[in-house]
Protein backbone atom coordinates (compact mmCIF):
# COMPACT_ATOMS: atom_id res chain seq x y z
CA MET A 1 84.11 -42.54 -13.45
CA SER A 2 84.95 -40.33 -16.70
CA LYS A 3 84.47 -36.50 -16.70
CA ASN A 4 81.58 -37.24 -19.27
CA SER A 5 80.11 -39.95 -17.17
CA PHE A 6 80.11 -37.56 -13.78
CA ILE A 7 78.23 -34.73 -15.80
CA PHE A 8 75.48 -36.82 -17.20
CA ALA A 9 74.67 -38.22 -13.98
CA ALA A 10 74.82 -35.47 -12.31
CA LEU A 11 72.49 -33.96 -15.04
CA LEU A 12 70.33 -36.79 -14.49
CA ALA A 13 69.78 -36.18 -10.54
CA GLY A 14 69.19 -32.76 -11.36
CA CYS A 15 66.04 -33.69 -13.64
CA MET A 16 64.78 -36.29 -11.26
CA THR A 17 64.87 -33.76 -8.04
CA LEU A 18 63.55 -30.86 -10.28
CA THR A 19 60.51 -33.83 -11.43
CA ALA A 20 60.02 -34.71 -7.89
CA CYS A 21 59.45 -31.34 -7.41
CA GLN A 22 57.13 -30.44 -9.54
CA THR A 23 55.15 -33.26 -9.34
CA ALA A 24 54.78 -32.56 -5.50
CA LYS A 25 53.90 -28.57 -6.53
CA THR A 26 51.24 -30.19 -8.35
CA GLN A 27 49.78 -32.68 -5.65
CA GLU A 28 49.78 -29.60 -3.07
CA THR A 29 47.76 -27.67 -6.03
CA ALA A 30 45.23 -29.97 -6.56
CA PHE A 31 44.05 -30.11 -2.48
CA SER A 32 44.80 -26.24 -1.62
CA GLU A 33 41.59 -23.63 -2.27
CA LYS A 34 42.01 -21.80 -5.51
CA ILE A 35 43.82 -18.45 -4.84
CA HIS A 36 43.00 -15.45 -6.64
CA ALA A 37 44.64 -12.37 -5.91
CA PRO A 38 42.55 -9.20 -7.67
CA LYS A 39 44.53 -6.60 -9.79
CA GLU A 40 42.63 -3.61 -7.98
CA ALA A 41 40.80 -3.55 -5.31
CA ASN A 42 37.80 -2.68 -6.99
CA TYR A 43 35.35 -5.08 -6.10
CA GLN A 44 32.20 -5.38 -4.36
CA THR A 45 32.11 -7.51 -0.72
CA VAL A 46 29.34 -9.06 1.34
CA SER A 47 29.14 -10.21 4.97
CA VAL A 48 28.73 -13.08 6.58
CA ASP A 49 26.28 -12.86 9.93
CA PHE A 50 23.54 -14.56 11.59
CA ALA A 51 20.34 -12.98 11.03
CA ASP A 52 16.60 -14.01 10.73
CA TYR A 53 15.54 -15.82 7.63
CA VAL A 54 12.19 -14.99 5.88
CA LYS A 55 10.93 -16.00 2.93
CA SER A 56 7.59 -14.63 1.25
CA ALA A 57 5.22 -15.02 -1.04
CA GLN A 58 2.32 -13.21 -2.91
CA GLY A 59 -1.17 -13.96 -4.19
CA GLY A 60 -4.29 -12.61 -5.50
CA ALA A 61 -7.53 -11.80 -3.83
CA GLU A 62 -11.09 -10.35 -3.95
CA ILE A 63 -13.09 -9.07 -1.80
CA TYR A 64 -15.52 -11.14 -0.13
CA TYR A 65 -18.63 -10.99 1.88
CA PRO A 66 -19.79 -13.97 3.66
CA VAL A 67 -23.39 -12.75 4.45
CA ASN A 68 -25.10 -13.22 1.29
CA VAL A 69 -28.42 -14.67 0.48
CA GLN A 70 -30.30 -15.96 -2.07
CA LEU A 71 -33.91 -14.96 -2.14
CA SER A 72 -37.07 -16.82 -3.81
CA PRO A 73 -40.74 -16.73 -3.18
CA GLY A 74 -41.19 -19.94 -1.00
CA LYS A 75 -44.05 -21.19 -3.18
CA GLN A 76 -45.17 -20.78 -7.21
CA VAL A 77 -46.55 -17.38 -7.49
CA ARG A 78 -46.79 -14.52 -10.45
CA PHE A 79 -44.83 -11.88 -10.94
CA LEU A 80 -45.99 -8.52 -10.46
CA ALA A 81 -42.76 -6.05 -10.03
CA CYS A 82 -39.58 -5.26 -9.09
CA HIS A 83 -38.46 -2.65 -6.63
CA VAL A 84 -34.78 -2.71 -6.68
CA ALA A 85 -31.62 -2.72 -9.13
CA GLU A 86 -28.42 -4.13 -8.84
CA GLY A 87 -26.19 -2.35 -7.03
CA ASP A 88 -29.02 -0.71 -4.86
CA ARG A 89 -28.62 -0.32 -1.30
CA VAL A 90 -31.32 -1.48 0.70
CA CYS A 91 -32.67 -1.62 4.69
CA LYS A 92 -34.02 -4.83 6.21
CA GLY A 93 -37.33 -5.01 5.72
CA ASP A 94 -37.48 -2.75 2.35
CA VAL A 95 -39.74 -4.45 -0.35
CA LEU A 96 -37.87 -5.75 -2.99
CA VAL A 97 -40.20 -7.41 -5.34
CA SER A 98 -43.87 -8.20 -5.08
CA PHE A 99 -45.97 -11.09 -6.62
CA ALA A 100 -49.51 -12.23 -6.47
CA ALA A 101 -50.56 -15.46 -5.06
CA ASP A 102 -53.32 -17.78 -6.66
CA SER A 103 -54.95 -18.33 -2.96
CA ASN A 104 -52.66 -16.28 0.13
CA GLU A 105 -54.63 -18.47 2.95
CA LEU A 106 -52.71 -21.26 1.68
CA VAL A 107 -49.41 -19.49 1.22
CA LEU A 108 -49.95 -18.54 5.21
CA GLU A 109 -51.31 -21.79 6.05
CA GLU A 110 -47.47 -23.04 4.28
CA TYR A 111 -45.86 -20.69 6.03
CA GLU A 112 -46.67 -21.15 9.55
CA LEU A 113 -45.60 -24.29 8.61
CA LYS A 114 -42.28 -23.86 7.24
CA LEU A 115 -41.98 -21.65 10.69
CA GLU A 116 -43.15 -24.80 12.62
CA ARG A 117 -40.35 -26.87 10.67
CA ALA A 118 -37.87 -24.32 11.07
CA LYS A 119 -38.10 -23.97 14.78
CA GLN A 120 -38.27 -27.58 15.07
CA ALA A 121 -35.00 -27.82 12.89
CA LEU A 122 -33.26 -25.19 14.51
CA GLU A 123 -33.89 -27.53 18.12
CA GLU A 124 -32.99 -30.54 16.39
CA GLY A 125 -29.54 -28.80 14.95
CA ARG A 126 -28.62 -27.60 17.78
CA ALA A 127 -29.24 -31.03 20.08
CA ASN A 128 -27.08 -32.79 17.04
CA ARG A 129 -24.35 -30.53 16.92
CA ARG A 130 -23.79 -30.05 20.65
CA THR A 131 -24.18 -34.01 21.33
CA ALA A 132 -21.05 -34.05 18.64
CA ILE A 133 -19.08 -31.49 20.47
CA GLN A 134 -19.41 -32.88 23.69
CA LYS A 135 -18.13 -36.15 22.25
CA ALA A 136 -15.28 -34.90 20.72
CA GLN A 137 -14.39 -32.62 23.55
CA LYS A 138 -14.73 -36.58 25.91
CA GLU A 139 -12.49 -37.74 23.45
CA LEU A 140 -10.15 -35.18 23.67
CA ASP A 141 -10.57 -35.37 27.74
CA ASN A 142 -9.64 -39.14 27.66
CA LEU A 143 -6.47 -38.36 26.17
CA LYS A 144 -4.94 -37.29 29.69
CA VAL A 145 -4.31 -40.74 31.48
CA TRP A 146 -2.80 -40.77 34.97
CA ASP A 147 0.61 -42.93 35.13
CA GLU A 148 0.54 -44.64 38.52
CA GLU A 149 4.36 -45.50 38.00
CA LYS A 150 5.66 -42.06 37.01
CA GLN A 151 2.69 -40.26 39.33
CA GLU A 152 2.22 -37.65 36.81
CA TYR A 153 -0.31 -37.41 33.48
CA ARG A 154 0.45 -38.36 30.17
CA TYR A 155 -1.36 -38.28 26.74
CA LYS A 156 -2.35 -40.96 24.51
CA LYS A 157 -1.66 -38.99 21.50
CA GLY A 158 0.94 -36.40 21.07
CA ALA A 159 0.90 -32.63 20.84
CA ARG A 160 0.11 -31.92 17.35
CA GLU A 161 -2.71 -34.39 17.21
CA ARG A 162 -4.17 -32.95 20.10
CA GLN A 163 -4.28 -29.56 18.42
CA ILE A 164 -6.11 -30.65 15.48
CA MET A 165 -8.73 -32.40 17.38
CA GLN A 166 -8.97 -29.16 19.70
CA LEU A 167 -9.35 -27.08 16.25
CA GLN A 168 -12.11 -29.69 15.27
CA ILE A 169 -14.17 -28.90 18.18
CA GLN A 170 -13.72 -25.06 17.85
CA LYS A 171 -14.88 -25.52 14.52
CA GLN A 172 -18.17 -27.61 15.33
CA GLU A 173 -18.84 -24.72 17.55
CA ILE A 174 -18.26 -22.18 15.44
CA ASP A 175 -20.69 -24.35 13.17
CA LEU A 176 -23.22 -24.21 15.75
CA GLN A 177 -23.14 -20.57 16.41
CA GLU A 178 -23.44 -19.59 12.50
CA PHE A 179 -26.37 -23.10 12.33
CA SER A 180 -28.13 -20.76 15.22
CA TYR A 181 -27.72 -17.40 13.31
CA ARG A 182 -28.83 -18.63 9.95
CA SER A 183 -31.89 -20.90 11.94
CA GLN A 184 -33.09 -17.64 14.08
CA GLN A 185 -32.74 -15.52 10.96
CA GLU A 186 -34.79 -17.74 9.25
CA ILE A 187 -37.14 -17.88 11.40
CA ARG A 188 -37.79 -14.25 11.99
CA ASP A 189 -37.98 -14.08 8.31
CA LEU A 190 -40.79 -16.51 8.12
CA GLU A 191 -42.73 -14.58 10.87
CA LYS A 192 -42.52 -11.36 8.95
CA GLN A 193 -43.32 -12.57 5.84
CA ALA A 194 -46.37 -14.41 7.30
CA ALA A 195 -47.35 -11.06 8.92
CA ALA A 196 -46.97 -9.41 5.85
CA ILE A 197 -49.17 -11.78 4.23
CA LEU A 198 -51.67 -11.08 6.83
CA LYS A 199 -51.94 -7.59 6.00
CA ASN A 200 -51.94 -7.65 2.40
CA VAL A 201 -54.17 -10.49 1.38
CA GLU A 202 -54.38 -9.76 -2.43
CA SER A 203 -50.47 -9.78 -2.39
CA MET A 204 -47.21 -10.95 -1.45
CA GLN A 205 -43.95 -8.82 -1.07
CA LEU A 206 -40.03 -10.20 -0.84
CA THR A 207 -38.50 -7.84 1.67
CA ALA A 208 -34.79 -7.56 2.28
CA PRO A 209 -33.67 -9.96 5.63
CA PHE A 210 -30.86 -7.24 6.23
CA ASP A 211 -29.52 -4.19 5.75
CA GLY A 212 -27.28 -4.69 2.45
CA VAL A 213 -26.80 -4.57 -1.27
CA ILE A 214 -28.52 -6.21 -3.90
CA ASP A 215 -26.05 -8.08 -6.36
CA SER A 216 -28.13 -9.67 -8.70
CA VAL A 217 -31.86 -9.57 -9.73
CA LYS A 218 -33.46 -11.78 -12.13
CA ILE A 219 -35.47 -9.81 -15.34
CA LEU A 220 -38.95 -11.38 -14.69
CA ARG A 221 -42.23 -9.90 -17.21
CA GLU A 222 -45.31 -8.81 -15.82
CA GLY A 223 -47.53 -12.14 -14.66
CA GLU A 224 -44.88 -14.49 -15.70
CA THR A 225 -45.13 -17.67 -13.56
CA VAL A 226 -42.41 -17.82 -10.56
CA SER A 227 -41.34 -21.40 -9.15
CA ALA A 228 -41.16 -21.88 -5.13
CA ASN A 229 -37.36 -21.81 -5.16
CA GLU A 230 -36.57 -19.80 -7.82
CA THR A 231 -34.02 -17.31 -6.84
CA VAL A 232 -35.19 -13.54 -7.78
CA ILE A 233 -33.00 -11.37 -5.76
CA GLU A 234 -29.11 -12.01 -4.24
CA MET A 235 -28.15 -9.67 -1.92
CA TYR A 236 -24.91 -9.49 0.38
CA SER A 237 -24.41 -7.28 3.64
CA GLU A 238 -21.70 -4.94 4.16
CA GLU A 239 -21.00 -5.14 7.62
CA LYS A 240 -18.79 -7.94 7.46
CA LYS A 241 -16.20 -8.02 4.71
CA LEU A 242 -13.32 -10.60 3.83
CA LEU A 243 -10.94 -11.17 1.25
CA ALA A 244 -10.58 -14.21 -0.15
CA ALA A 245 -7.80 -15.98 -2.47
CA THR A 246 -8.04 -16.29 -5.87
CA GLY A 247 -6.05 -18.78 -8.21
CA ILE A 248 -4.11 -21.61 -6.96
CA VAL A 249 -3.55 -21.38 -3.38
CA ASP A 250 -0.14 -22.38 -1.49
CA ASP A 251 -0.63 -25.10 0.88
CA GLU A 252 2.15 -23.82 3.24
CA ILE A 253 0.27 -20.28 4.45
CA ARG A 254 -0.92 -20.80 7.91
CA CYS A 255 -3.91 -19.80 9.61
CA PHE A 256 -4.13 -17.20 11.89
CA SER A 257 -1.00 -15.70 10.07
CA ASN A 258 -0.58 -11.91 9.84
CA VAL A 259 0.00 -10.80 6.13
CA SER A 260 0.40 -7.45 3.85
CA ILE A 261 -2.10 -6.54 1.67
CA GLU A 262 -1.75 -4.39 -1.34
CA VAL A 263 -4.44 -2.64 -3.29
CA GLN A 264 -3.83 -0.78 -6.79
CA ASP A 265 -6.02 2.23 -6.15
CA ARG A 266 -6.28 3.82 -9.89
CA GLU A 267 -2.66 5.12 -9.67
CA GLU A 268 -1.68 4.37 -6.24
CA LYS A 269 -0.66 1.83 -3.98
CA LYS A 270 -2.15 1.57 -0.81
CA THR A 271 -0.77 -1.11 1.83
CA PHE A 272 -3.19 -2.37 4.79
CA ASN A 273 -2.70 -5.05 7.40
CA GLY A 274 -4.82 -8.47 7.61
CA ARG A 275 -4.99 -12.02 9.06
CA VAL A 276 -5.86 -15.43 7.44
CA ILE A 277 -8.73 -16.94 9.22
CA CYS A 278 -9.02 -19.77 7.03
CA ALA A 279 -6.18 -22.06 5.30
CA PRO A 280 -6.47 -25.34 3.64
CA ASN A 281 -3.76 -26.95 6.13
CA ILE A 282 -6.12 -25.68 9.25
CA LEU A 283 -7.40 -29.45 9.45
CA PRO A 284 -5.55 -33.07 8.21
CA HIS A 285 -5.54 -33.47 4.33
CA ASP A 286 -9.02 -35.49 4.32
CA ALA A 287 -10.71 -32.56 5.84
CA GLN A 288 -9.32 -29.48 4.32
CA GLN A 289 -11.52 -26.71 3.66
CA GLY A 290 -9.80 -25.55 0.06
CA GLN A 291 -9.85 -21.84 0.91
CA VAL A 292 -8.12 -19.09 2.24
CA LEU A 293 -10.15 -16.06 4.06
CA ILE A 294 -8.35 -13.28 5.26
CA GLU A 295 -9.69 -10.75 7.83
CA LEU A 296 -9.23 -7.11 7.09
CA GLN A 297 -8.23 -5.04 10.36
CA GLU A 298 -8.14 -1.56 8.30
CA GLU A 299 -11.08 -0.50 6.13
CA ILE A 300 -9.67 -1.16 2.22
CA GLY A 301 -13.24 0.22 0.71
CA ASN A 302 -14.94 -1.22 -2.11
CA ALA A 303 -11.57 -1.71 -4.05
CA GLN A 304 -12.19 -3.17 -7.81
CA ASP A 305 -8.83 -2.98 -9.29
CA ASP A 306 -6.29 -5.64 -8.30
CA ILE A 307 -5.71 -6.71 -5.17
CA LEU A 308 -2.35 -8.62 -3.36
CA TYR A 309 -1.31 -10.29 -0.09
CA TYR A 310 1.87 -11.02 1.01
CA TYR A 311 2.74 -13.61 3.66
CA ASP A 312 6.20 -15.34 5.17
CA LYS A 313 6.22 -18.91 3.49
CA GLN A 314 9.13 -19.64 5.27
CA SER A 315 10.63 -17.95 8.71
CA ILE A 316 13.71 -18.54 10.64
CA SER A 317 15.88 -16.80 13.63
CA HIS A 318 19.01 -16.46 14.20
CA ILE A 319 20.95 -18.50 11.55
CA LEU A 320 23.85 -17.74 9.34
CA LEU A 321 22.99 -15.90 6.12
CA THR A 322 25.01 -14.16 3.71
CA ASP A 323 24.19 -12.05 0.10
CA ARG A 324 22.91 -15.07 -2.20
CA ARG A 325 24.65 -13.42 -5.14
CA ALA A 326 28.08 -14.50 -3.31
CA ALA A 327 27.10 -18.05 -4.10
CA GLY A 328 28.25 -20.12 -7.14
CA SER A 329 28.13 -23.45 -8.36
CA ASP A 330 30.48 -25.79 -10.42
CA GLU A 331 30.20 -29.34 -10.86
CA GLN A 332 32.13 -30.04 -7.26
CA GLY A 333 29.10 -28.14 -5.70
CA GLU A 334 28.78 -24.60 -4.57
CA TYR A 335 31.10 -22.02 -4.03
CA VAL A 336 32.06 -18.48 -2.73
CA TYR A 337 34.90 -16.71 -2.43
CA VAL A 338 36.04 -15.66 0.65
CA LEU A 339 38.63 -12.47 1.40
CA GLU A 340 41.28 -13.13 3.40
CA ASP A 341 44.01 -11.21 4.33
CA GLY A 342 43.96 -8.98 0.85
CA ILE A 343 43.74 -12.39 -0.78
CA VAL A 344 40.91 -13.94 -2.42
CA LYS A 345 40.12 -17.76 -1.73
CA LYS A 346 37.46 -19.83 -3.23
CA ARG A 347 36.06 -22.64 -0.80
CA TYR A 348 32.81 -24.86 -1.22
CA VAL A 349 30.02 -24.42 1.26
CA VAL A 350 27.07 -26.40 2.06
CA THR A 351 23.58 -23.65 1.47
CA GLY A 352 19.99 -24.50 2.69
CA PHE A 353 16.85 -22.61 2.04
CA SER A 354 17.30 -18.98 0.04
CA ASN A 355 14.99 -16.11 -0.89
CA SER A 356 15.26 -13.31 -3.06
CA SER A 357 18.21 -11.70 -1.58
CA GLN A 358 19.97 -14.51 1.07
CA VAL A 359 21.04 -17.70 1.28
CA TRP A 360 21.62 -20.08 4.34
CA ILE A 361 24.98 -21.28 4.99
CA LEU A 362 25.14 -24.25 6.65
CA ASP A 363 28.73 -25.17 6.65
CA GLY A 364 31.99 -24.18 5.34
CA LEU A 365 31.74 -20.62 7.05
CA SER A 366 31.87 -18.35 10.55
CA ALA A 367 29.96 -15.01 10.98
CA GLY A 368 32.26 -12.52 10.33
CA GLN A 369 33.82 -13.31 7.11
CA THR A 370 34.27 -10.87 4.03
CA LEU A 371 32.64 -12.26 0.29
CA VAL A 372 33.43 -11.02 -2.80
CA LEU A 373 30.91 -11.21 -5.44
CA ASP A 374 31.84 -13.12 -8.17
């Protein structure tokens, strides 16, 4: 081999070796983490730690008085005078409106008939509701059967279905109590109104069934005819005060969960505590109540300004969390920058839920690691 041929062969071998090394380096880089060495240590860092995750949500609310009534004369009469105005506070038995009847004796007879029907309706209503409760309780009790083979009790349905059945029974019991209260109140009112007719043969009076506030008054002219079921007065009791959610209601809000209530009182914001006592998801989908009611644990006054309530939409204990600002994404997925031994490494991770400040790390990191904010 000539000297020139030898030199050419050596150069060719060197080029091939260099190309092979470059190829190997390229392949190694393609599968390794991207390394970023910061010029100065002026970057912000956050840690990865186990903590409790909470995602909160909010909604608007307004004051709601569950005890309210629409008052009507019960018979066609002629209007004489109204003794109250909207916003007035009245006591039980106060005269609200005066009417004149063509025949008070006939009115008295009708009230006595109404009283008899009301008492009958009370007994029948109680009996029907108690029968329904007993039937539902029996169905729940029948779910528990004895397993001779395993010598233990088992249930025909799951715990969630049994819980729903129990909630339905509780709702029926509450309905029985409310029905009894309303019916007894109606009977007492009828008895008092009948007694008032006996004392004043020439006139009829509409009285307040409980202590409360006049919500609205119908404007009538003296002598104007008022039909039997025409609402003349609307009023409510301040003894029981709730908050009712306004706008679109989140189906994820849970019954009996605690909420924080924020009231804008002029220029000052005040915070109170409450508890959800009625939510859309307390019963199955086909029996949703479609309303969120919040029981107040503190007196908030008669706030007329904006009322907001805050609740926990998601809550998970002891999961791996970090600052959500540390997570970025590209076409390959979500990633973070991990600081290890003074070197910043890009690492792809799998994330779960996130709220306004935190993100759940499902895979790719461990507790105690330090991340650099991008």
